[in-house]
Amino acid sequence: MTPVKVKVENQEYLYILWDDNTETKIDLPALRDACPCAECQTGKDPKTENLPFKPLTLGKKTEIADINVVGNYALNIFWKDGHHTGIYEFGYLRQLGKQ
């Protein structure tokens, strides 16, 4: 399972067309909230899986500046607020698209 096409639609959704012709569409706020990096995962409330409120990350938090492919297994998303350490594995992205 490899992306054939990846694009941001209207700064609202991440669209992925996979090599098996499956399409995935992920809401950008949900994608950002699901960031798998250590910074974003640290401090999550185990009951709700919500992060503590961080007012400094408002604004361009859910706008994507760039996307790079990492090897043959993931995408690295650069958010317009400067965050860029999340490596989203392809399987993880497919899961997020089903939610």
PDB file of N, CA and C in Angstrom:
ATOM      1  N   MET A   1       0.845  -1.163   0.000  1.00  0.00           N
ATOM      2  CA  MET A   1       0.000   0.000   0.000  1.00  0.00           C
ATOM      3  C   MET A   1       0.897   1.234   0.000  1.00  0.00           C
ATOM      4  N   THR A   2       0.840   1.945  -1.127  1.00  0.00           N
ATOM      5  CA  THR A   2       1.660   3.136  -1.335  1.00  0.00           C
ATOM      6  C   THR A   2       0.801   4.237  -1.945  1.00  0.00           C
ATOM      7  N   PRO A   3       0.995   5.473  -1.508  1.00  0.00           N
ATOM      8  CA  PRO A   3       0.236   6.562  -2.128  1.00  0.00           C
ATOM      9  C   PRO A   3       0.673   6.792  -3.576  1.00  0.00           C
ATOM     10  N   VAL A   4      -0.305   6.998  -4.442  1.00  0.00           N
ATOM     11  CA  VAL A   4      -0.052   7.349  -5.830  1.00  0.00           C
ATOM     12  C   VAL A   4      -0.183   8.861  -5.985  1.00  0.00           C
ATOM     13  N   LYS A   5      -1.107   9.443  -5.199  1.00  0.00           N
ATOM     14  CA  LYS A   5      -1.351  10.882  -5.254  1.00  0.00           C
ATOM     15  C   LYS A   5      -1.659  11.368  -3.847  1.00  0.00           C
ATOM     16  N   VAL A   6      -1.033  12.478  -3.458  1.00  0.00           N
ATOM     17  CA  VAL A   6      -1.277  13.100  -2.160  1.00  0.00           C
ATOM     18  C   VAL A   6      -1.471  14.587  -2.412  1.00  0.00           C
ATOM     19  N   LYS A   7      -2.580  15.140  -1.909  1.00  0.00           N
ATOM     20  CA  LYS A   7      -2.784  16.573  -2.061  1.00  0.00           C
ATOM     21  C   LYS A   7      -3.624  17.110  -0.909  1.00  0.00           C
ATOM     22  N   VAL A   8      -3.464  18.396  -0.668  1.00  0.00           N
ATOM     23  CA  VAL A   8      -4.263  19.097   0.335  1.00  0.00           C
ATOM     24  C   VAL A   8      -5.400  19.783  -0.410  1.00  0.00           C
ATOM     25  N   GLU A   9      -6.623  19.526   0.029  1.00  0.00           N
ATOM     26  CA  GLU A   9      -7.796  20.125  -0.604  1.00  0.00           C
ATOM     27  C   GLU A   9      -8.309  21.287   0.234  1.00  0.00           C
ATOM     28  N   ASN A  10      -8.192  22.502  -0.302  1.00  0.00           N
ATOM     29  CA  ASN A  10      -8.734  23.717   0.309  1.00  0.00           C
ATOM     30  C   ASN A  10      -8.301  23.933   1.763  1.00  0.00           C
ATOM     31  N   GLN A  11      -7.133  23.444   2.132  1.00  0.00           N
ATOM     32  CA  GLN A  11      -6.657  23.518   3.516  1.00  0.00           C
ATOM     33  C   GLN A  11      -7.693  22.976   4.493  1.00  0.00           C
ATOM     34  N   GLU A  12      -8.478  21.983   4.022  1.00  0.00           N
ATOM     35  CA  GLU A  12      -9.477  21.344   4.871  1.00  0.00           C
ATOM     36  C   GLU A  12      -9.220  19.854   5.034  1.00  0.00           C
ATOM     37  N   TYR A  13      -8.753  19.204   3.974  1.00  0.00           N
ATOM     38  CA  TYR A  13      -8.575  17.753   3.972  1.00  0.00           C
ATOM     39  C   TYR A  13      -7.250  17.367   3.342  1.00  0.00           C
ATOM     40  N   LEU A  14      -6.704  16.238   3.807  1.00  0.00           N
ATOM     41  CA  LEU A  14      -5.599  15.587   3.120  1.00  0.00           C
ATOM     42  C   LEU A  14      -6.220  14.463   2.303  1.00  0.00           C
ATOM     43  N   TYR A  15      -5.996  14.494   1.005  1.00  0.00           N
ATOM     44  CA  TYR A  15      -6.526  13.476   0.099  1.00  0.00           C
ATOM     45  C   TYR A  15      -5.377  12.577  -0.327  1.00  0.00           C
ATOM     46  N   ILE A  16      -5.586  11.251  -0.237  1.00  0.00           N
ATOM     47  CA  ILE A  16      -4.584  10.276  -0.679  1.00  0.00           C
ATOM     48  C   ILE A  16      -5.271   9.254  -1.574  1.00  0.00           C
ATOM     49  N   LEU A  17      -4.694   9.050  -2.744  1.00  0.00           N
ATOM     50  CA  LEU A  17      -5.103   7.961  -3.631  1.00  0.00           C
ATOM     51  C   LEU A  17      -4.018   6.901  -3.515  1.00  0.00           C
ATOM     52  N   TRP A  18      -4.431   5.684  -3.138  1.00  0.00           N
ATOM     53  CA  TRP A  18      -3.487   4.590  -2.911  1.00  0.00           C
ATOM     54  C   TRP A  18      -3.333   3.746  -4.182  1.00  0.00           C
ATOM     55  N   ASP A  19      -2.282   2.949  -4.215  1.00  0.00           N
ATOM     56  CA  ASP A  19      -2.002   2.115  -5.386  1.00  0.00           C
ATOM     57  C   ASP A  19      -3.047   1.022  -5.628  1.00  0.00           C
ATOM     58  N   ASP A  20      -3.937   0.791  -4.670  1.00  0.00           N
ATOM     59  CA  ASP A  20      -5.034  -0.172  -4.879  1.00  0.00           C
ATOM     60  C   ASP A  20      -6.337   0.564  -5.243  1.00  0.00           C
ATOM     61  N   ASN A  21      -6.220   1.845  -5.618  1.00  0.00           N
ATOM     62  CA  ASN A  21      -7.334   2.717  -6.001  1.00  0.00           C
ATOM     63  C   ASN A  21      -8.264   3.098  -4.847  1.00  0.00           C
ATOM     64  N   THR A  22      -7.873   2.814  -3.620  1.00  0.00           N
ATOM     65  CA  THR A  22      -8.616   3.269  -2.449  1.00  0.00           C
ATOM     66  C   THR A  22      -8.313   4.745  -2.246  1.00  0.00           C
ATOM     67  N   GLU A  23      -9.321   5.505  -1.874  1.00  0.00           N
ATOM     68  CA  GLU A  23      -9.148   6.923  -1.584  1.00  0.00           C
ATOM     69  C   GLU A  23      -9.319   7.168  -0.096  1.00  0.00           C
ATOM     70  N   THR A  24      -8.466   8.015   0.444  1.00  0.00           N
ATOM     71  CA  THR A  24      -8.536   8.405   1.847  1.00  0.00           C
ATOM     72  C   THR A  24      -8.638   9.921   1.904  1.00  0.00           C
ATOM     73  N   LYS A  25      -9.552  10.404   2.742  1.00  0.00           N
ATOM     74  CA  LYS A  25      -9.724  11.836   2.941  1.00  0.00           C
ATOM     75  C   LYS A  25      -9.749  12.075   4.451  1.00  0.00           C
ATOM     76  N   ILE A  26      -8.780  12.860   4.942  1.00  0.00           N
ATOM     77  CA  ILE A  26      -8.649  13.091   6.379  1.00  0.00           C
ATOM     78  C   ILE A  26      -8.776  14.584   6.666  1.00  0.00           C
ATOM     79  N   ASP A  27      -9.681  14.928   7.567  1.00  0.00           N
ATOM     80  CA  ASP A  27      -9.874  16.294   8.018  1.00  0.00           C
ATOM     81  C   ASP A  27      -8.567  16.791   8.656  1.00  0.00           C
ATOM     82  N   LEU A  28      -8.083  17.970   8.269  1.00  0.00           N
ATOM     83  CA  LEU A  28      -6.789  18.455   8.769  1.00  0.00           C
ATOM     84  C   LEU A  28      -6.730  18.644  10.283  1.00  0.00           C
ATOM     85  N   PRO A  29      -7.772  19.170  10.952  1.00  0.00           N
ATOM     86  CA  PRO A  29      -7.688  19.229  12.413  1.00  0.00           C
ATOM     87  C   PRO A  29      -7.536  17.835  13.040  1.00  0.00           C
ATOM     88  N   ALA A  30      -8.218  16.844  12.498  1.00  0.00           N
ATOM     89  CA  ALA A  30      -8.090  15.478  13.022  1.00  0.00           C
ATOM     90  C   ALA A  30      -6.688  14.935  12.757  1.00  0.00           C
ATOM     91  N   LEU A  31      -6.136  15.250  11.589  1.00  0.00           N
ATOM     92  CA  LEU A  31      -4.784  14.804  11.254  1.00  0.00           C
ATOM     93  C   LEU A  31      -3.766  15.418  12.202  1.00  0.00           C
ATOM     94  N   ARG A  32      -3.908  16.701  12.469  1.00  0.00           N
ATOM     95  CA  ARG A  32      -2.977  17.368  13.386  1.00  0.00           C
ATOM     96  C   ARG A  32      -3.124  16.818  14.796  1.00  0.00           C
ATOM     97  N   ASP A  33      -4.354  16.606  15.245  1.00  0.00           N
ATOM     98  CA  ASP A  33      -4.574  16.055  16.587  1.00  0.00           C
ATOM     99  C   ASP A  33      -4.017  14.643  16.719  1.00  0.00           C
ATOM    100  N   ALA A  34      -3.903  13.930  15.601  1.00  0.00           N
ATOM    101  CA  ALA A  34      -3.390  12.556  15.619  1.00  0.00           C
ATOM    102  C   ALA A  34      -1.887  12.502  15.357  1.00  0.00           C
ATOM    103  N   CYS A  35      -1.221  13.649  15.396  1.00  0.00           N
ATOM    104  CA  CYS A  35       0.222  13.679  15.120  1.00  0.00           C
ATOM    105  C   CYS A  35       0.939  12.664  16.005  1.00  0.00           C
ATOM    106  N   PRO A  36       1.727  11.769  15.393  1.00  0.00           N
ATOM    107  CA  PRO A  36       2.359  10.706  16.161  1.00  0.00           C
ATOM    108  C   PRO A  36       3.695  11.076  16.808  1.00  0.00           C
ATOM    109  N   CYS A  37       4.142  12.318  16.698  1.00  0.00           N
ATOM    110  CA  CYS A  37       5.457  12.664  17.242  1.00  0.00           C
ATOM    111  C   CYS A  37       5.444  12.637  18.771  1.00  0.00           C
ATOM    112  N   ALA A  38       6.624  12.535  19.347  1.00  0.00           N
ATOM    113  CA  ALA A  38       6.760  12.448  20.805  1.00  0.00           C
ATOM    114  C   ALA A  38       6.224  13.691  21.502  1.00  0.00           C
ATOM    115  N   GLU A  39       6.467  14.862  20.913  1.00  0.00           N
ATOM    116  CA  GLU A  39       5.992  16.107  21.525  1.00  0.00           C
ATOM    117  C   GLU A  39       4.473  16.126  21.648  1.00  0.00           C
ATOM    118  N   CYS A  40       3.779  15.699  20.585  1.00  0.00           N
ATOM    119  CA  CYS A  40       2.321  15.713  20.594  1.00  0.00           C
ATOM    120  C   CYS A  40       1.731  14.586  21.431  1.00  0.00           C
ATOM    121  N   GLN A  41       2.413  13.474  21.529  1.00  0.00           N
ATOM    122  CA  GLN A  41       1.892  12.340  22.284  1.00  0.00           C
ATOM    123  C   GLN A  41       2.155  12.457  23.779  1.00  0.00           C
ATOM    124  N   THR A  42       3.189  13.185  24.173  1.00  0.00           N
ATOM    125  CA  THR A  42       3.513  13.372  25.588  1.00  0.00           C
ATOM    126  C   THR A  42       2.464  14.249  26.242  1.00  0.00           C
ATOM    127  N   GLY A  43       1.980  13.814  27.357  1.00  0.00           N
ATOM    128  CA  GLY A  43       1.032  14.614  28.111  1.00  0.00           C
ATOM    129  C   GLY A  43      -0.418  14.372  27.758  1.00  0.00           C
ATOM    130  N   LYS A  44      -0.694  13.393  26.899  1.00  0.00           N
ATOM    131  CA  LYS A  44      -2.093  13.105  26.583  1.00  0.00           C
ATOM    132  C   LYS A  44      -2.778  12.513  27.811  1.00  0.00           C
ATOM    133  N   ASP A  45      -3.996  12.917  28.016  1.00  0.00           N
ATOM    134  CA  ASP A  45      -4.805  12.368  29.093  1.00  0.00           C
ATOM    135  C   ASP A  45      -5.210  10.956  28.678  1.00  0.00           C
ATOM    136  N   PRO A  46      -4.816   9.915  29.427  1.00  0.00           N
ATOM    137  CA  PRO A  46      -5.111   8.544  29.022  1.00  0.00           C
ATOM    138  C   PRO A  46      -6.602   8.231  28.928  1.00  0.00           C
ATOM    139  N   LYS A  47      -7.442   8.969  29.665  1.00  0.00           N
ATOM    140  CA  LYS A  47      -8.885   8.707  29.626  1.00  0.00           C
ATOM    141  C   LYS A  47      -9.524   9.278  28.357  1.00  0.00           C
ATOM    142  N   THR A  48      -9.085  10.464  27.962  1.00  0.00           N
ATOM    143  CA  THR A  48      -9.715  11.130  26.813  1.00  0.00           C
ATOM    144  C   THR A  48      -8.800  11.205  25.598  1.00  0.00           C
ATOM    145  N   GLU A  49      -7.521  10.956  25.787  1.00  0.00           N
ATOM    146  CA  GLU A  49      -6.491  11.084  24.757  1.00  0.00           C
ATOM    147  C   GLU A  49      -6.402  12.507  24.222  1.00  0.00           C
ATOM    148  N   ASN A  50      -6.869  13.490  25.019  1.00  0.00           N
ATOM    149  CA  ASN A  50      -6.770  14.887  24.625  1.00  0.00           C
ATOM    150  C   ASN A  50      -5.475  15.477  25.160  1.00  0.00           C
ATOM    151  N   LEU A  51      -4.895  16.376  24.387  1.00  0.00           N
ATOM    152  CA  LEU A  51      -3.705  17.087  24.821  1.00  0.00           C
ATOM    153  C   LEU A  51      -4.108  18.274  25.676  1.00  0.00           C
ATOM    154  N   PRO A  52      -3.205  18.723  26.557  1.00  0.00           N
ATOM    155  CA  PRO A  52      -3.488  19.947  27.289  1.00  0.00           C
ATOM    156  C   PRO A  52      -3.637  21.108  26.297  1.00  0.00           C
ATOM    157  N   PHE A  53      -4.431  22.105  26.644  1.00  0.00           N
ATOM    158  CA  PHE A  53      -4.638  23.259  25.777  1.00  0.00           C
ATOM    159  C   PHE A  53      -3.331  24.027  25.623  1.00  0.00           C
ATOM    160  N   LYS A  54      -2.945  24.304  24.359  1.00  0.00           N
ATOM    161  CA  LYS A  54      -1.726  25.054  24.077  1.00  0.00           C
ATOM    162  C   LYS A  54      -2.103  26.263  23.232  1.00  0.00           C
ATOM    163  N   PRO A  55      -2.337  27.428  23.856  1.00  0.00           N
ATOM    164  CA  PRO A  55      -2.794  28.588  23.094  1.00  0.00           C
ATOM    165  C   PRO A  55      -1.801  29.060  22.039  1.00  0.00           C
ATOM    166  N   LEU A  56      -0.515  28.774  22.189  1.00  0.00           N
ATOM    167  CA  LEU A  56       0.472  29.220  21.218  1.00  0.00           C
ATOM    168  C   LEU A  56       0.376  28.467  19.899  1.00  0.00           C
ATOM    169  N   THR A  57      -0.339  27.363  19.863  1.00  0.00           N
ATOM    170  CA  THR A  57      -0.433  26.587  18.626  1.00  0.00           C
ATOM    171  C   THR A  57      -1.715  26.874  17.857  1.00  0.00           C
ATOM    172  N   LEU A  58      -2.467  27.889  18.274  1.00  0.00           N
ATOM    173  CA  LEU A  58      -3.666  28.253  17.526  1.00  0.00           C
ATOM    174  C   LEU A  58      -3.268  28.995  16.249  1.00  0.00           C
ATOM    175  N   GLY A  59      -4.212  29.309  15.421  1.00  0.00           N
ATOM    176  CA  GLY A  59      -3.911  30.037  14.198  1.00  0.00           C
ATOM    177  C   GLY A  59      -3.668  29.093  13.044  1.00  0.00           C
ATOM    178  N   LYS A  60      -2.428  28.981  12.627  1.00  0.00           N
ATOM    179  CA  LYS A  60      -2.089  28.172  11.460  1.00  0.00           C
ATOM    180  C   LYS A  60      -1.783  26.717  11.829  1.00  0.00           C
ATOM    181  N   LYS A  61      -2.260  26.295  12.972  1.00  0.00           N
ATOM    182  CA  LYS A  61      -1.993  24.950  13.478  1.00  0.00           C
ATOM    183  C   LYS A  61      -2.432  23.858  12.507  1.00  0.00           C
ATOM    184  N   THR A  62      -3.514  24.069  11.787  1.00  0.00           N
ATOM    185  CA  THR A  62      -4.039  23.010  10.923  1.00  0.00           C
ATOM    186  C   THR A  62      -3.878  23.314   9.436  1.00  0.00           C
ATOM    187  N   GLU A  63      -2.954  24.208   9.084  1.00  0.00           N
ATOM    188  CA  GLU A  63      -2.670  24.475   7.681  1.00  0.00           C
ATOM    189  C   GLU A  63      -1.349  23.800   7.318  1.00  0.00           C
ATOM    190  N   ILE A  64      -1.338  23.094   6.209  1.00  0.00           N
ATOM    191  CA  ILE A  64      -0.143  22.359   5.780  1.00  0.00           C
ATOM    192  C   ILE A  64       0.687  23.228   4.840  1.00  0.00           C
ATOM    193  N   ALA A  65       1.984  23.313   5.132  1.00  0.00           N
ATOM    194  CA  ALA A  65       2.917  24.051   4.287  1.00  0.00           C
ATOM    195  C   ALA A  65       3.570  23.134   3.257  1.00  0.00           C
ATOM    196  N   ASP A  66       3.886  21.885   3.655  1.00  0.00           N
ATOM    197  CA  ASP A  66       4.586  20.971   2.756  1.00  0.00           C
ATOM    198  C   ASP A  66       4.421  19.537   3.254  1.00  0.00           C
ATOM    199  N   ILE A  67       4.586  18.599   2.338  1.00  0.00           N
ATOM    200  CA  ILE A  67       4.522  17.170   2.657  1.00  0.00           C
ATOM    201  C   ILE A  67       5.671  16.480   1.937  1.00  0.00           C
ATOM    202  N   ASN A  68       6.410  15.656   2.658  1.00  0.00           N
ATOM    203  CA  ASN A  68       7.503  14.884   2.059  1.00  0.00           C
ATOM    204  C   ASN A  68       7.292  13.404   2.316  1.00  0.00           C
ATOM    205  N   VAL A  69       7.693  12.587   1.363  1.00  0.00           N
ATOM    206  CA  VAL A  69       7.656  11.143   1.538  1.00  0.00           C
ATOM    207  C   VAL A  69       8.900  10.730   2.312  1.00  0.00           C
ATOM    208  N   VAL A  70       8.719   9.848   3.294  1.00  0.00           N
ATOM    209  CA  VAL A  70       9.826   9.319   4.091  1.00  0.00           C
ATOM    210  C   VAL A  70      10.007   7.861   3.698  1.00  0.00           C
ATOM    211  N   GLY A  71      11.110   7.570   3.037  1.00  0.00           N
ATOM    212  CA  GLY A  71      11.359   6.196   2.585  1.00  0.00           C
ATOM    213  C   GLY A  71      10.198   5.681   1.764  1.00  0.00           C
ATOM    214  N   ASN A  72       9.826   4.439   2.015  1.00  0.00           N
ATOM    215  CA  ASN A  72       8.681   3.816   1.347  1.00  0.00           C
ATOM    216  C   ASN A  72       7.572   3.506   2.337  1.00  0.00           C
ATOM    217  N   TYR A  73       7.521   4.297   3.442  1.00  0.00           N
ATOM    218  CA  TYR A  73       6.578   3.905   4.489  1.00  0.00           C
ATOM    219  C   TYR A  73       5.790   5.027   5.136  1.00  0.00           C
ATOM    220  N   ALA A  74       6.107   6.297   4.860  1.00  0.00           N
ATOM    221  CA  ALA A  74       5.454   7.362   5.638  1.00  0.00           C
ATOM    222  C   ALA A  74       5.482   8.707   4.924  1.00  0.00           C
ATOM    223  N   LEU A  75       4.692   9.635   5.484  1.00  0.00           N
ATOM    224  CA  LEU A  75       4.709  11.028   5.069  1.00  0.00           C
ATOM    225  C   LEU A  75       5.138  11.883   6.257  1.00  0.00           C
ATOM    226  N   ASN A  76       5.954  12.886   5.987  1.00  0.00           N
ATOM    227  CA  ASN A  76       6.330  13.877   6.990  1.00  0.00           C
ATOM    228  C   ASN A  76       5.600  15.158   6.613  1.00  0.00           C
ATOM    229  N   ILE A  77       4.773  15.651   7.516  1.00  0.00           N
ATOM    230  CA  ILE A  77       3.953  16.825   7.252  1.00  0.00           C
ATOM    231  C   ILE A  77       4.546  18.038   7.955  1.00  0.00           C
ATOM    232  N   PHE A  78       4.721  19.104   7.191  1.00  0.00           N
ATOM    233  CA  PHE A  78       5.197  20.371   7.711  1.00  0.00           C
ATOM    234  C   PHE A  78       3.983  21.295   7.832  1.00  0.00           C
ATOM    235  N   TRP A  79       3.634  21.637   9.070  1.00  0.00           N
ATOM    236  CA  TRP A  79       2.491  22.504   9.335  1.00  0.00           C
ATOM    237  C   TRP A  79       2.938  23.955   9.292  1.00  0.00           C
ATOM    238  N   LYS A  80       2.036  24.864   8.918  1.00  0.00           N
ATOM    239  CA  LYS A  80       2.386  26.274   8.759  1.00  0.00           C
ATOM    240  C   LYS A  80       2.773  26.958  10.064  1.00  0.00           C
ATOM    241  N   ASP A  81       2.441  26.352  11.206  1.00  0.00           N
ATOM    242  CA  ASP A  81       2.867  26.954  12.476  1.00  0.00           C
ATOM    243  C   ASP A  81       4.283  26.532  12.860  1.00  0.00           C
ATOM    244  N   GLY A  82       4.960  25.782  11.983  1.00  0.00           N
ATOM    245  CA  GLY A  82       6.345  25.393  12.221  1.00  0.00           C
ATOM    246  C   GLY A  82       6.533  23.957  12.692  1.00  0.00           C
ATOM    247  N   HIS A  83       5.470  23.297  13.099  1.00  0.00           N
ATOM    248  CA  HIS A  83       5.597  21.912  13.570  1.00  0.00           C
ATOM    249  C   HIS A  83       5.885  20.990  12.388  1.00  0.00           C
ATOM    250  N   HIS A  84       6.870  20.083  12.553  1.00  0.00           N
ATOM    251  CA  HIS A  84       7.245  19.228  11.430  1.00  0.00           C
ATOM    252  C   HIS A  84       7.850  17.882  11.845  1.00  0.00           C
ATOM    253  N   THR A  85       7.672  17.476  13.076  1.00  0.00           N
ATOM    254  CA  THR A  85       8.330  16.254  13.536  1.00  0.00           C
ATOM    255  C   THR A  85       7.460  15.004  13.450  1.00  0.00           C
ATOM    256  N   GLY A  86       6.230  15.143  12.982  1.00  0.00           N
ATOM    257  CA  GLY A  86       5.347  13.977  12.884  1.00  0.00           C
ATOM    258  C   GLY A  86       5.617  13.162  11.629  1.00  0.00           C
ATOM    259  N   ILE A  87       5.875  11.882  11.808  1.00  0.00           N
ATOM    260  CA  ILE A  87       6.053  10.950  10.693  1.00  0.00           C
ATOM    261  C   ILE A  87       4.816  10.043  10.691  1.00  0.00           C
ATOM    262  N   TYR A  88       3.961  10.224   9.694  1.00  0.00           N
ATOM    263  CA  TYR A  88       2.698   9.497   9.590  1.00  0.00           C
ATOM    264  C   TYR A  88       2.887   8.280   8.687  1.00  0.00           C
ATOM    265  N   GLU A  89       2.978   7.094   9.281  1.00  0.00           N
ATOM    266  CA  GLU A  89       3.135   5.878   8.486  1.00  0.00           C
ATOM    267  C   GLU A  89       1.891   5.641   7.643  1.00  0.00           C
ATOM    268  N   PHE A  90       2.093   5.036   6.471  1.00  0.00           N
ATOM    269  CA  PHE A  90       0.983   4.828   5.540  1.00  0.00           C
ATOM    270  C   PHE A  90      -0.182   4.075   6.177  1.00  0.00           C
ATOM    271  N   GLY A  91       0.093   3.022   6.920  1.00  0.00           N
ATOM    272  CA  GLY A  91      -0.966   2.254   7.584  1.00  0.00           C
ATOM    273  C   GLY A  91      -1.743   3.107   8.575  1.00  0.00           C
ATOM    274  N   TYR A  92      -1.039   3.989   9.282  1.00  0.00           N
ATOM    275  CA  TYR A  92      -1.666   4.897  10.235  1.00  0.00           C
ATOM    276  C   TYR A  92      -2.599   5.869   9.503  1.00  0.00           C
ATOM    277  N   LEU A  93      -2.156   6.385   8.361  1.00  0.00           N
ATOM    278  CA  LEU A  93      -2.991   7.290   7.571  1.00  0.00           C
ATOM    279  C   LEU A  93      -4.261   6.586   7.076  1.00  0.00           C
ATOM    280  N   ARG A  94      -4.117   5.323   6.658  1.00  0.00           N
ATOM    281  CA  ARG A  94      -5.306   4.573   6.207  1.00  0.00           C
ATOM    282  C   ARG A  94      -6.290   4.408   7.357  1.00  0.00           C
ATOM    283  N   GLN A  95      -5.773   4.136   8.549  1.00  0.00           N
ATOM    284  CA  GLN A  95      -6.636   4.016   9.743  1.00  0.00           C
ATOM    285  C   GLN A  95      -7.364   5.322  10.024  1.00  0.00           C
ATOM    286  N   LEU A  96      -6.631   6.426   9.981  1.00  0.00           N
ATOM    287  CA  LEU A  96      -7.231   7.733  10.246  1.00  0.00           C
ATOM    288  C   LEU A  96      -8.331   8.041   9.242  1.00  0.00           C
ATOM    289  N   GLY A  97      -8.159   7.613   8.020  1.00  0.00           N
ATOM    290  CA  GLY A  97      -9.163   7.847   6.988  1.00  0.00           C
ATOM    291  C   GLY A  97     -10.426   7.058   7.193  1.00  0.00           C
ATOM    292  N   LYS A  98     -10.359   5.984   7.946  1.00  0.00           N
ATOM    293  CA  LYS A  98     -11.540   5.153   8.201  1.00  0.00           C
ATOM    294  C   LYS A  98     -12.333   5.649   9.403  1.00  0.00           C
ATOM    295  N   GLN A  99     -11.753   6.530  10.200  1.00  0.00           N
ATOM    296  CA  GLN A  99     -12.427   7.014  11.415  1.00  0.00           C
ATOM    297  C   GLN A  99     -13.412   8.101  11.106  1.00  0.00           C
TER     298      GLN A  99
END
